[in-house]
Amino acid sequence: MSKQAATEHGRGEIRDNALKALVTSKLFQPRVVKAKKGKGSYNRKGRNSKDYALVVFAAFTCNTVSNQLCRG
């Protein structure tokens, strides 16, 4: 086995069990991919993001400023 093939999955030199080293490498770590469109893309907790707080704060300040301007 060449040195390049031994380090492709980030384990360096494999001494004992090549299959165990391969399966426990980062290559085989489970990944959760969130769908952007379609089934599974609905985000129920979207309003808890940082951007939502800024939008609510901006809307609140704009409403209070416009109310004060309208009152005279």
C-alpha atoms as a PDB file:
ATOM      1  CA  MET A   1       0.000   0.000   0.000  1.00  0.00           C
ATOM      2  CA  SER A   2       1.413   3.373  -0.920  1.00  0.00           C
ATOM      3  CA  LYS A   3       1.726   6.204   1.556  1.00  0.00           C
ATOM      4  CA  GLN A   4      -0.797   8.298  -0.388  1.00  0.00           C
ATOM      5  CA  ALA A   5      -3.475   5.603  -0.204  1.00  0.00           C
ATOM      6  CA  ALA A   6      -2.931   5.176   3.535  1.00  0.00           C
ATOM      7  CA  THR A   7      -3.571   8.841   4.308  1.00  0.00           C
ATOM      8  CA  GLU A   8      -6.535   9.524   2.013  1.00  0.00           C
ATOM      9  CA  HIS A   9      -9.058   9.293   4.818  1.00  0.00           C
ATOM     10  CA  GLY A  10      -7.004  11.209   7.403  1.00  0.00           C
ATOM     11  CA  ARG A  11      -5.695   8.355   9.561  1.00  0.00           C
ATOM     12  CA  GLY A  12      -2.026   8.455   8.608  1.00  0.00           C
ATOM     13  CA  GLU A  13      -0.207   5.132   8.558  1.00  0.00           C
ATOM     14  CA  ILE A  14      -2.529   2.198   9.245  1.00  0.00           C
ATOM     15  CA  ARG A  15      -0.836  -0.555  11.237  1.00  0.00           C
ATOM     16  CA  ASP A  16      -3.412  -3.057  12.429  1.00  0.00           C
ATOM     17  CA  ASN A  17      -6.835  -3.095  10.801  1.00  0.00           C
ATOM     18  CA  ALA A  18      -7.370  -1.096   7.630  1.00  0.00           C
ATOM     19  CA  LEU A  19     -11.134  -1.668   7.512  1.00  0.00           C
ATOM     20  CA  LYS A  20     -11.626  -0.509  11.099  1.00  0.00           C
ATOM     21  CA  ALA A  21      -9.544   2.595  10.412  1.00  0.00           C
ATOM     22  CA  LEU A  22     -11.592   3.338   7.317  1.00  0.00           C
ATOM     23  CA  VAL A  23     -14.998   2.855   8.941  1.00  0.00           C
ATOM     24  CA  THR A  24     -14.104   4.967  11.989  1.00  0.00           C
ATOM     25  CA  SER A  25     -12.680   7.789   9.867  1.00  0.00           C
ATOM     26  CA  LYS A  26     -14.443  11.076   9.174  1.00  0.00           C
ATOM     27  CA  LEU A  27     -15.447   9.753   5.774  1.00  0.00           C
ATOM     28  CA  PHE A  28     -18.054   7.474   7.376  1.00  0.00           C
ATOM     29  CA  GLN A  29     -19.431   9.966   9.930  1.00  0.00           C
ATOM     30  CA  PRO A  30     -23.190  10.440   9.581  1.00  0.00           C
ATOM     31  CA  ARG A  31     -24.238  13.716   8.031  1.00  0.00           C
ATOM     32  CA  VAL A  32     -27.646  15.321   8.385  1.00  0.00           C
ATOM     33  CA  VAL A  33     -28.565  17.300   5.318  1.00  0.00           C
ATOM     34  CA  LYS A  34     -31.464  19.734   5.713  1.00  0.00           C
ATOM     35  CA  ALA A  35     -33.655  19.989   2.637  1.00  0.00           C
ATOM     36  CA  LYS A  36     -33.917  23.530   1.287  1.00  0.00           C
ATOM     37  CA  LYS A  37     -37.004  22.881  -0.827  1.00  0.00           C
ATOM     38  CA  GLY A  38     -39.692  20.234  -0.834  1.00  0.00           C
ATOM     39  CA  LYS A  39     -40.438  17.535   1.696  1.00  0.00           C
ATOM     40  CA  GLY A  40     -38.723  18.096   5.029  1.00  0.00           C
ATOM     41  CA  SER A  41     -37.816  21.720   4.397  1.00  0.00           C
ATOM     42  CA  TYR A  42     -40.421  23.321   6.653  1.00  0.00           C
ATOM     43  CA  ASN A  43     -38.795  25.038   9.623  1.00  0.00           C
ATOM     44  CA  ARG A  44     -41.208  25.384  12.511  1.00  0.00           C
ATOM     45  CA  LYS A  45     -38.729  27.272  14.688  1.00  0.00           C
ATOM     46  CA  GLY A  46     -37.659  29.845  12.113  1.00  0.00           C
ATOM     47  CA  ARG A  47     -38.779  32.731  14.232  1.00  0.00           C
ATOM     48  CA  ASN A  48     -36.188  31.977  16.894  1.00  0.00           C
ATOM     49  CA  SER A  49     -33.308  32.969  14.649  1.00  0.00           C
ATOM     50  CA  LYS A  50     -31.186  36.068  15.200  1.00  0.00           C
ATOM     51  CA  ASP A  51     -32.486  37.748  12.044  1.00  0.00           C
ATOM     52  CA  TYR A  52     -36.094  37.471  13.181  1.00  0.00           C
ATOM     53  CA  ALA A  53     -35.319  39.393  16.379  1.00  0.00           C
ATOM     54  CA  LEU A  54     -33.792  42.199  14.322  1.00  0.00           C
ATOM     55  CA  VAL A  55     -36.809  42.334  12.016  1.00  0.00           C
ATOM     56  CA  VAL A  56     -39.223  42.486  14.949  1.00  0.00           C
ATOM     57  CA  PHE A  57     -37.143  45.169  16.658  1.00  0.00           C
ATOM     58  CA  ALA A  58     -36.952  47.224  13.454  1.00  0.00           C
ATOM     59  CA  ALA A  59     -40.704  46.931  12.888  1.00  0.00           C
ATOM     60  CA  PHE A  60     -41.389  47.906  16.500  1.00  0.00           C
ATOM     61  CA  THR A  61     -39.127  50.959  16.374  1.00  0.00           C
ATOM     62  CA  CYS A  62     -40.546  52.060  13.009  1.00  0.00           C
ATOM     63  CA  ASN A  63     -44.105  51.768  14.337  1.00  0.00           C
ATOM     64  CA  THR A  64     -43.344  53.722  17.504  1.00  0.00           C
ATOM     65  CA  VAL A  65     -41.506  56.444  15.576  1.00  0.00           C
ATOM     66  CA  SER A  66     -44.304  56.761  13.012  1.00  0.00           C
ATOM     67  CA  ASN A  67     -46.921  56.873  15.797  1.00  0.00           C
ATOM     68  CA  GLN A  68     -45.041  59.672  17.516  1.00  0.00           C
ATOM     69  CA  LEU A  69     -44.747  61.577  14.243  1.00  0.00           C
ATOM     70  CA  CYS A  70     -48.456  61.141  13.527  1.00  0.00           C
ATOM     71  CA  ARG A  71     -49.444  62.441  16.944  1.00  0.00           C
ATOM     72  CA  GLY A  72     -47.617  65.655  16.325  1.00  0.00           C
END
